[in-house]
PDB file of N, CA and C in Angstrom:
ATOM      1  N   MET A   1      75.801 -25.882 195.076  1.00  0.00           N
ATOM      2  CA  MET A   1      74.485 -25.893 195.663  1.00  0.00           C
ATOM      3  C   MET A   1      73.472 -25.517 194.600  1.00  0.00           C
ATOM      4  N   LYS A   2      72.615 -26.433 194.306  1.00  0.00           N
ATOM      5  CA  LYS A   2      71.699 -26.291 193.191  1.00  0.00           C
ATOM      6  C   LYS A   2      70.585 -25.277 193.448  1.00  0.00           C
ATOM      7  N   ASP A   3      70.099 -25.211 194.709  1.00  0.00           N
ATOM      8  CA  ASP A   3      68.932 -24.385 194.964  1.00  0.00           C
ATOM      9  C   ASP A   3      69.270 -22.967 195.421  1.00  0.00           C
ATOM     10  N   VAL A   4      70.518 -22.592 195.471  1.00  0.00           N
ATOM     11  CA  VAL A   4      70.874 -21.224 195.842  1.00  0.00           C
ATOM     12  C   VAL A   4      70.883 -20.375 194.579  1.00  0.00           C
ATOM     13  N   PRO A   5      69.982 -19.392 194.511  1.00  0.00           N
ATOM     14  CA  PRO A   5      69.882 -18.611 193.279  1.00  0.00           C
ATOM     15  C   PRO A   5      71.006 -17.613 193.146  1.00  0.00           C
ATOM     16  N   GLY A   6      71.360 -17.353 191.919  1.00  0.00           N
ATOM     17  CA  GLY A   6      72.293 -16.290 191.649  1.00  0.00           C
ATOM     18  C   GLY A   6      71.526 -14.996 191.419  1.00  0.00           C
ATOM     19  N   TYR A   7      72.267 -13.922 191.296  1.00  0.00           N
ATOM     20  CA  TYR A   7      71.636 -12.613 191.109  1.00  0.00           C
ATOM     21  C   TYR A   7      70.791 -12.590 189.840  1.00  0.00           C
ATOM     22  N   ARG A   8      71.308 -13.144 188.759  1.00  0.00           N
ATOM     23  CA  ARG A   8      70.563 -13.137 187.487  1.00  0.00           C
ATOM     24  C   ARG A   8      69.262 -13.921 187.599  1.00  0.00           C
ATOM     25  N   ASN A   9      69.338 -15.071 188.225  1.00  0.00           N
ATOM     26  CA  ASN A   9      68.117 -15.867 188.399  1.00  0.00           C
ATOM     27  C   ASN A   9      67.109 -15.144 189.279  1.00  0.00           C
ATOM     28  N   SER A  10      67.591 -14.467 190.301  1.00  0.00           N
ATOM     29  CA  SER A  10      66.653 -13.773 191.184  1.00  0.00           C
ATOM     30  C   SER A  10      65.926 -12.650 190.449  1.00  0.00           C
ATOM     31  N   VAL A  11      66.595 -12.017 189.494  1.00  0.00           N
ATOM     32  CA  VAL A  11      65.928 -11.011 188.662  1.00  0.00           C
ATOM     33  C   VAL A  11      64.825 -11.682 187.849  1.00  0.00           C
ATOM     34  N   MET A  12      65.112 -12.858 187.327  1.00  0.00           N
ATOM     35  CA  MET A  12      64.120 -13.562 186.524  1.00  0.00           C
ATOM     36  C   MET A  12      62.959 -14.074 187.383  1.00  0.00           C
ATOM     37  N   TYR A  13      63.213 -14.385 188.653  1.00  0.00           N
ATOM     38  CA  TYR A  13      62.127 -14.776 189.552  1.00  0.00           C
ATOM     39  C   TYR A  13      61.133 -13.625 189.689  1.00  0.00           C
ATOM     40  N   TRP A  14      61.666 -12.417 189.863  1.00  0.00           N
ATOM     41  CA  TRP A  14      60.803 -11.231 189.983  1.00  0.00           C
ATOM     42  C   TRP A  14      60.000 -11.002 188.704  1.00  0.00           C
ATOM     43  N   VAL A  15      60.680 -11.097 187.564  1.00  0.00           N
ATOM     44  CA  VAL A  15      59.998 -10.860 186.281  1.00  0.00           C
ATOM     45  C   VAL A  15      58.918 -11.916 186.055  1.00  0.00           C
ATOM     46  N   GLY A  16      59.235 -13.161 186.342  1.00  0.00           N
ATOM     47  CA  GLY A  16      58.245 -14.230 186.191  1.00  0.00           C
ATOM     48  C   GLY A  16      57.035 -14.020 187.083  1.00  0.00           C
ATOM     49  N   ARG A  17      57.284 -13.578 188.294  1.00  0.00           N
ATOM     50  CA  ARG A  17      56.179 -13.307 189.214  1.00  0.00           C
ATOM     51  C   ARG A  17      55.287 -12.192 188.682  1.00  0.00           C
ATOM     52  N   GLU A  18      55.899 -11.151 188.127  1.00  0.00           N
ATOM     53  CA  GLU A  18      55.129 -10.032 187.590  1.00  0.00           C
ATOM     54  C   GLU A  18      54.375 -10.399 186.325  1.00  0.00           C
ATOM     55  N   LEU A  19      54.860 -11.382 185.606  1.00  0.00           N
ATOM     56  CA  LEU A  19      54.151 -11.853 184.415  1.00  0.00           C
ATOM     57  C   LEU A  19      52.969 -12.740 184.782  1.00  0.00           C
ATOM     58  N   GLY A  20      52.857 -13.068 186.065  1.00  0.00           N
ATOM     59  CA  GLY A  20      51.746 -13.880 186.517  1.00  0.00           C
ATOM     60  C   GLY A  20      52.013 -15.366 186.501  1.00  0.00           C
ATOM     61  N   LEU A  21      53.281 -15.762 186.356  1.00  0.00           N
ATOM     62  CA  LEU A  21      53.600 -17.188 186.401  1.00  0.00           C
ATOM     63  C   LEU A  21      53.347 -17.728 187.799  1.00  0.00           C
ATOM     64  N   LYS A  22      52.847 -18.911 187.873  1.00  0.00           N
ATOM     65  CA  LYS A  22      52.607 -19.548 189.150  1.00  0.00           C
ATOM     66  C   LYS A  22      53.934 -19.898 189.804  1.00  0.00           C
ATOM     67  N   GLN A  23      53.918 -19.910 191.110  1.00  0.00           N
ATOM     68  CA  GLN A  23      55.129 -20.214 191.860  1.00  0.00           C
ATOM     69  C   GLN A  23      55.699 -21.577 191.477  1.00  0.00           C
ATOM     70  N   ARG A  24      54.847 -22.567 191.330  1.00  0.00           N
ATOM     71  CA  ARG A  24      55.295 -23.924 190.975  1.00  0.00           C
ATOM     72  C   ARG A  24      56.003 -23.945 189.613  1.00  0.00           C
ATOM     73  N   ARG A  25      55.518 -23.127 188.709  1.00  0.00           N
ATOM     74  CA  ARG A  25      56.140 -23.087 187.383  1.00  0.00           C
ATOM     75  C   ARG A  25      57.531 -22.461 187.449  1.00  0.00           C
ATOM     76  N   ILE A  26      57.671 -21.417 188.251  1.00  0.00           N
ATOM     77  CA  ILE A  26      58.988 -20.789 188.427  1.00  0.00           C
ATOM     78  C   ILE A  26      59.939 -21.772 189.101  1.00  0.00           C
ATOM     79  N   GLU A  27      59.434 -22.487 190.107  1.00  0.00           N
ATOM     80  CA  GLU A  27      60.252 -23.501 190.783  1.00  0.00           C
ATOM     81  C   GLU A  27      60.754 -24.538 189.791  1.00  0.00           C
ATOM     82  N   ALA A  28      59.873 -25.024 188.942  1.00  0.00           N
ATOM     83  CA  ALA A  28      60.243 -26.057 187.983  1.00  0.00           C
ATOM     84  C   ALA A  28      61.212 -25.532 186.925  1.00  0.00           C
ATOM     85  N   LYS A  29      60.957 -24.334 186.448  1.00  0.00           N
ATOM     86  CA  LYS A  29      61.796 -23.774 185.392  1.00  0.00           C
ATOM     87  C   LYS A  29      63.237 -23.573 185.842  1.00  0.00           C
ATOM     88  N   PHE A  30      63.401 -23.097 187.072  1.00  0.00           N
ATOM     89  CA  PHE A  30      64.741 -22.800 187.576  1.00  0.00           C
ATOM     90  C   PHE A  30      65.277 -23.866 188.521  1.00  0.00           C
ATOM     91  N   ASP A  31      64.500 -24.919 188.762  1.00  0.00           N
ATOM     92  CA  ASP A  31      64.888 -26.002 189.658  1.00  0.00           C
ATOM     93  C   ASP A  31      65.360 -25.441 191.004  1.00  0.00           C
ATOM     94  N   VAL A  32      64.464 -24.713 191.648  1.00  0.00           N
ATOM     95  CA  VAL A  32      64.821 -24.022 192.875  1.00  0.00           C
ATOM     96  C   VAL A  32      63.844 -24.386 193.990  1.00  0.00           C
ATOM     97  N   ASP A  33      64.353 -24.380 195.199  1.00  0.00           N
ATOM     98  CA  ASP A  33      63.546 -24.629 196.386  1.00  0.00           C
ATOM     99  C   ASP A  33      62.616 -23.426 196.608  1.00  0.00           C
ATOM    100  N   PRO A  34      61.344 -23.649 196.932  1.00  0.00           N
ATOM    101  CA  PRO A  34      60.426 -22.520 197.114  1.00  0.00           C
ATOM    102  C   PRO A  34      60.864 -21.561 198.217  1.00  0.00           C
ATOM    103  N   ARG A  35      61.588 -22.067 199.208  1.00  0.00           N
ATOM    104  CA  ARG A  35      62.066 -21.177 200.275  1.00  0.00           C
ATOM    105  C   ARG A  35      63.035 -20.142 199.735  1.00  0.00           C
ATOM    106  N   ARG A  36      63.813 -20.510 198.712  1.00  0.00           N
ATOM    107  CA  ARG A  36      64.750 -19.541 198.112  1.00  0.00           C
ATOM    108  C   ARG A  36      63.994 -18.456 197.358  1.00  0.00           C
ATOM    109  N   LEU A  37      62.878 -18.849 196.714  1.00  0.00           N
ATOM    110  CA  LEU A  37      62.062 -17.843 196.024  1.00  0.00           C
ATOM    111  C   LEU A  37      61.549 -16.804 197.004  1.00  0.00           C
ATOM    112  N   PHE A  38      61.039 -17.264 198.127  1.00  0.00           N
ATOM    113  CA  PHE A  38      60.491 -16.333 199.102  1.00  0.00           C
ATOM    114  C   PHE A  38      61.577 -15.498 199.771  1.00  0.00           C
ATOM    115  N   GLU A  39      62.792 -16.028 199.862  1.00  0.00           N
ATOM    116  CA  GLU A  39      63.906 -15.216 200.362  1.00  0.00           C
ATOM    117  C   GLU A  39      64.186 -14.058 199.411  1.00  0.00           C
ATOM    118  N   VAL A  40      64.098 -14.325 198.115  1.00  0.00           N
ATOM    119  CA  VAL A  40      64.305 -13.266 197.120  1.00  0.00           C
ATOM    120  C   VAL A  40      63.132 -12.295 197.151  1.00  0.00           C
ATOM    121  N   TRP A  41      61.906 -12.808 197.147  1.00  0.00           N
ATOM    122  CA  TRP A  41      60.719 -11.959 197.081  1.00  0.00           C
ATOM    123  C   TRP A  41      60.484 -11.159 198.355  1.00  0.00           C
ATOM    124  N   SER A  42      61.067 -11.584 199.475  1.00  0.00           N
ATOM    125  CA  SER A  42      60.917 -10.814 200.712  1.00  0.00           C
ATOM    126  C   SER A  42      62.056  -9.821 200.896  1.00  0.00           C
ATOM    127  N   GLY A  43      63.086  -9.909 200.050  1.00  0.00           N
ATOM    128  CA  GLY A  43      64.194  -8.972 200.133  1.00  0.00           C
ATOM    129  C   GLY A  43      65.327  -9.431 201.022  1.00  0.00           C
ATOM    130  N   GLU A  44      65.245 -10.635 201.560  1.00  0.00           N
ATOM    131  CA  GLU A  44      66.327 -11.159 202.402  1.00  0.00           C
ATOM    132  C   GLU A  44      67.575 -11.441 201.576  1.00  0.00           C
ATOM    133  N   ARG A  45      67.368 -11.966 200.388  1.00  0.00           N
ATOM    134  CA  ARG A  45      68.477 -12.353 199.518  1.00  0.00           C
ATOM    135  C   ARG A  45      68.395 -11.538 198.232  1.00  0.00           C
ATOM    136  N   TYR A  46      69.500 -10.964 197.833  1.00  0.00           N
ATOM    137  CA  TYR A  46      69.603 -10.148 196.609  1.00  0.00           C
ATOM    138  C   TYR A  46      68.536  -9.039 196.551  1.00  0.00           C
ATOM    139  N   PRO A  47      68.513  -8.145 197.523  1.00  0.00           N
ATOM    140  CA  PRO A  47      67.473  -7.101 197.516  1.00  0.00           C
ATOM    141  C   PRO A  47      67.552  -6.161 196.312  1.00  0.00           C
ATOM    142  N   ALA A  48      68.743  -5.980 195.738  1.00  0.00           N
ATOM    143  CA  ALA A  48      68.881  -5.089 194.578  1.00  0.00           C
ATOM    144  C   ALA A  48      68.305  -5.710 193.309  1.00  0.00           C
ATOM    145  N   SER A  49      68.050  -7.008 193.325  1.00  0.00           N
ATOM    146  CA  SER A  49      67.520  -7.664 192.131  1.00  0.00           C
ATOM    147  C   SER A  49      66.122  -7.148 191.787  1.00  0.00           C
ATOM    148  N   ARG A  50      65.392  -6.683 192.774  1.00  0.00           N
ATOM    149  CA  ARG A  50      64.046  -6.148 192.539  1.00  0.00           C
ATOM    150  C   ARG A  50      64.109  -4.912 191.646  1.00  0.00           C
ATOM    151  N   ASP A  51      65.009  -3.976 191.961  1.00  0.00           N
ATOM    152  CA  ASP A  51      65.143  -2.761 191.147  1.00  0.00           C
ATOM    153  C   ASP A  51      65.594  -3.087 189.726  1.00  0.00           C
ATOM    154  N   HIS A  52      66.499  -4.040 189.622  1.00  0.00           N
ATOM    155  CA  HIS A  52      66.966  -4.466 188.306  1.00  0.00           C
ATOM    156  C   HIS A  52      65.819  -5.107 187.520  1.00  0.00           C
ATOM    157  N   ALA A  53      65.002  -5.913 188.200  1.00  0.00           N
ATOM    158  CA  ALA A  53      63.878  -6.575 187.538  1.00  0.00           C
ATOM    159  C   ALA A  53      62.843  -5.562 187.053  1.00  0.00           C
ATOM    160  N   ILE A  54      62.650  -4.491 187.807  1.00  0.00           N
ATOM    161  CA  ILE A  54      61.707  -3.451 187.373  1.00  0.00           C
ATOM    162  C   ILE A  54      62.187  -2.820 186.073  1.00  0.00           C
ATOM    163  N   ARG A  55      63.485  -2.535 185.997  1.00  0.00           N
ATOM    164  CA  ARG A  55      64.040  -1.948 184.759  1.00  0.00           C
ATOM    165  C   ARG A  55      63.916  -2.916 183.587  1.00  0.00           C
ATOM    166  N   ILE A  56      64.253  -4.178 183.822  1.00  0.00           N
ATOM    167  CA  ILE A  56      64.169  -5.194 182.764  1.00  0.00           C
ATOM    168  C   ILE A  56      62.719  -5.344 182.287  1.00  0.00           C
ATOM    169  N   PHE A  57      61.792  -5.430 183.238  1.00  0.00           N
ATOM    170  CA  PHE A  57      60.381  -5.591 182.902  1.00  0.00           C
ATOM    171  C   PHE A  57      59.897  -4.422 182.050  1.00  0.00           C
ATOM    172  N   ASN A  58      60.262  -3.208 182.438  1.00  0.00           N
ATOM    173  CA  ASN A  58      59.832  -2.030 181.679  1.00  0.00           C
ATOM    174  C   ASN A  58      60.461  -1.971 180.289  1.00  0.00           C
ATOM    175  N   LEU A  59      61.655  -2.509 180.133  1.00  0.00           N
ATOM    176  CA  LEU A  59      62.288  -2.567 178.810  1.00  0.00           C
ATOM    177  C   LEU A  59      61.621  -3.624 177.923  1.00  0.00           C
ATOM    178  N   LEU A  60      61.338  -4.785 178.510  1.00  0.00           N
ATOM    179  CA  LEU A  60      60.760  -5.880 177.730  1.00  0.00           C
ATOM    180  C   LEU A  60      59.275  -5.684 177.430  1.00  0.00           C
ATOM    181  N   PHE A  61      58.563  -5.087 178.386  1.00  0.00           N
ATOM    182  CA  PHE A  61      57.120  -4.936 178.257  1.00  0.00           C
ATOM    183  C   PHE A  61      56.720  -3.491 178.568  1.00  0.00           C
ATOM    184  N   PRO A  62      57.046  -2.557 177.699  1.00  0.00           N
ATOM    185  CA  PRO A  62      56.819  -1.145 178.022  1.00  0.00           C
ATOM    186  C   PRO A  62      55.346  -0.757 178.186  1.00  0.00           C
ATOM    187  N   LYS A  63      54.441  -1.455 177.530  1.00  0.00           N
ATOM    188  CA  LYS A  63      53.025  -1.084 177.608  1.00  0.00           C
ATOM    189  C   LYS A  63      52.232  -1.961 178.570  1.00  0.00           C
ATOM    190  N   ARG A  64      52.882  -2.911 179.175  1.00  0.00           N
ATOM    191  CA  ARG A  64      52.187  -3.839 180.066  1.00  0.00           C
ATOM    192  C   ARG A  64      52.385  -3.413 181.527  1.00  0.00           C
ATOM    193  N   PRO A  65      51.305  -3.195 182.247  1.00  0.00           N
ATOM    194  CA  PRO A  65      51.466  -2.818 183.658  1.00  0.00           C
ATOM    195  C   PRO A  65      51.854  -4.042 184.494  1.00  0.00           C
ATOM    196  N   PRO A  66      52.655  -3.848 185.510  1.00  0.00           N
ATOM    197  CA  PRO A  66      53.010  -4.982 186.373  1.00  0.00           C
ATOM    198  C   PRO A  66      51.779  -5.515 187.109  1.00  0.00           C
ATOM    199  N   LYS A  67      51.732  -6.819 187.265  1.00  0.00           N
ATOM    200  CA  LYS A  67      50.569  -7.453 187.881  1.00  0.00           C
ATOM    201  C   LYS A  67      50.517  -7.213 189.392  1.00  0.00           C
ATOM    202  N   TYR A  68      51.657  -7.299 190.051  1.00  0.00           N
ATOM    203  CA  TYR A  68      51.706  -7.169 191.505  1.00  0.00           C
ATOM    204  C   TYR A  68      52.425  -5.908 191.968  1.00  0.00           C
ATOM    205  N   GLY A  69      52.975  -5.141 191.062  1.00  0.00           N
ATOM    206  CA  GLY A  69      53.659  -3.912 191.435  1.00  0.00           C
ATOM    207  C   GLY A  69      55.021  -4.124 192.055  1.00  0.00           C
ATOM    208  N   PHE A  70      55.607  -5.294 191.858  1.00  0.00           N
ATOM    209  CA  PHE A  70      56.930  -5.612 192.390  1.00  0.00           C
ATOM    210  C   PHE A  70      57.003  -5.391 193.901  1.00  0.00           C
ATOM    211  N   GLU A  71      55.952  -5.730 194.593  1.00  0.00           N
ATOM    212  CA  GLU A  71      55.944  -5.563 196.041  1.00  0.00           C
ATOM    213  C   GLU A  71      56.613  -6.756 196.706  1.00  0.00           C
ATOM    214  N   PHE A  72      57.274  -6.480 197.818  1.00  0.00           N
ATOM    215  CA  PHE A  72      57.922  -7.539 198.568  1.00  0.00           C
ATOM    216  C   PHE A  72      56.877  -8.466 199.172  1.00  0.00           C
ATOM    217  N   HIS A  73      57.240  -9.723 199.288  1.00  0.00           N
ATOM    218  CA  HIS A  73      56.367 -10.711 199.901  1.00  0.00           C
ATOM    219  C   HIS A  73      56.356 -10.500 201.409  1.00  0.00           C
ATOM    220  N   VAL A  74      55.170 -10.506 201.979  1.00  0.00           N
ATOM    221  CA  VAL A  74      55.023 -10.420 203.428  1.00  0.00           C
ATOM    222  C   VAL A  74      54.383 -11.722 203.879  1.00  0.00           C
ATOM    223  N   PRO A  75      55.096 -12.499 204.702  1.00  0.00           N
ATOM    224  CA  PRO A  75      54.536 -13.789 205.093  1.00  0.00           C
ATOM    225  C   PRO A  75      53.298 -13.632 205.950  1.00  0.00           C
ATOM    226  N   ARG A  76      52.389 -14.564 205.780  1.00  0.00           N
ATOM    227  CA  ARG A  76      51.202 -14.604 206.628  1.00  0.00           C
ATOM    228  C   ARG A  76      51.608 -15.186 207.972  1.00  0.00           C
ATOM    229  N   TYR A  77      50.995 -14.695 208.987  1.00  0.00           N
ATOM    230  CA  TYR A  77      51.281 -15.237 210.308  1.00  0.00           C
ATOM    231  C   TYR A  77      50.487 -16.517 210.515  1.00  0.00           C
ATOM    232  N   ARG A  78      51.128 -17.446 211.155  1.00  0.00           N
ATOM    233  CA  ARG A  78      50.439 -18.700 211.454  1.00  0.00           C
ATOM    234  C   ARG A  78      49.521 -18.489 212.642  1.00  0.00           C
ATOM    235  N   ARG A  79      48.365 -19.053 212.545  1.00  0.00           N
ATOM    236  CA  ARG A  79      47.418 -18.951 213.640  1.00  0.00           C
ATOM    237  C   ARG A  79      47.677 -20.084 214.625  1.00  0.00           C
ATOM    238  N   VAL A  80      47.656 -19.739 215.860  1.00  0.00           N
ATOM    239  CA  VAL A  80      47.914 -20.725 216.900  1.00  0.00           C
ATOM    240  C   VAL A  80      46.596 -21.116 217.536  1.00  0.00           C
ATOM    241  N   ASN A  81      46.377 -22.405 217.579  1.00  0.00           N
ATOM    242  CA  ASN A  81      45.193 -22.922 218.237  1.00  0.00           C
ATOM    243  C   ASN A  81      45.470 -22.955 219.738  1.00  0.00           C
ATOM    244  N   ARG A  82      44.713 -22.183 220.510  1.00  0.00           N
ATOM    245  CA  ARG A  82      44.943 -22.070 221.957  1.00  0.00           C
ATOM    246  C   ARG A  82      44.788 -23.413 222.671  1.00  0.00           C
ATOM    247  N   LYS A  83      43.938 -24.280 222.165  1.00  0.00           N
ATOM    248  CA  LYS A  83      43.752 -25.588 222.792  1.00  0.00           C
ATOM    249  C   LYS A  83      45.028 -26.423 222.704  1.00  0.00           C
ATOM    250  N   GLN A  84      45.762 -26.250 221.636  1.00  0.00           N
ATOM    251  CA  GLN A  84      47.003 -27.002 221.491  1.00  0.00           C
ATOM    252  C   GLN A  84      48.063 -26.515 222.466  1.00  0.00           C
ATOM    253  N   LEU A  85      48.038 -25.237 222.827  1.00  0.00           N
ATOM    254  CA  LEU A  85      49.009 -24.721 223.779  1.00  0.00           C
ATOM    255  C   LEU A  85      48.851 -25.366 225.152  1.00  0.00           C
ATOM    256  N   ASP A  86      47.634 -25.775 225.480  1.00  0.00           N
ATOM    257  CA  ASP A  86      47.400 -26.424 226.770  1.00  0.00           C
ATOM    258  C   ASP A  86      48.152 -27.753 226.873  1.00  0.00           C
ATOM    259  N   LEU A  87      48.485 -28.351 225.788  1.00  0.00           N
ATOM    260  CA  LEU A  87      49.218 -29.616 225.818  1.00  0.00           C
ATOM    261  C   LEU A  87      50.619 -29.449 226.402  1.00  0.00           C
ATOM    262  N   PHE A  88      51.154 -28.243 226.386  1.00  0.00           N
ATOM    263  CA  PHE A  88      52.524 -28.007 226.820  1.00  0.00           C
ATOM    264  C   PHE A  88      52.615 -27.537 228.267  1.00  0.00           C
ATOM    265  N   HIS A  89      51.489 -27.312 228.906  1.00  0.00           N
ATOM    266  CA  HIS A  89      51.490 -26.910 230.306  1.00  0.00           C
ATOM    267  C   HIS A  89      51.620 -28.119 231.203  1.00  0.00           C
ATOM    268  N   ASP A  90      52.465 -27.961 232.188  1.00  0.00           N
ATOM    269  CA  ASP A  90      52.650 -29.058 233.156  1.00  0.00           C
ATOM    270  C   ASP A  90      51.851 -28.686 234.393  1.00  0.00           C
ATOM    271  N   ASP A  91      50.710 -29.334 234.577  1.00  0.00           N
ATOM    272  CA  ASP A  91      49.833 -28.997 235.691  1.00  0.00           C
ATOM    273  C   ASP A  91      50.174 -29.756 236.964  1.00  0.00           C
ATOM    274  N   GLU A  92      51.187 -30.542 236.938  1.00  0.00           N
ATOM    275  CA  GLU A  92      51.525 -31.337 238.118  1.00  0.00           C
ATOM    276  C   GLU A  92      52.243 -30.538 239.143  1.00  0.00           C
TER     277      GLU A  92
END
């Protein structure tokens, strides 16, 4: 399975995110599905990779502060248009 990240790749996803790389660039570099990135960044998959990435980042860039603070991704809630919900009511 090409788009399932390994532990090492997930560490690099975190480091790339902290370096300010765009999501599309990380996707292209690792040939990964964006849903897998968000699984890693939300802590669903390989949650320990975040702690490892913090250590790696601090070793590689000791004087550079992290851009996002290695915070987990929190998905935005989708807004529901109330008018569309009326389409599903059976008034008969």
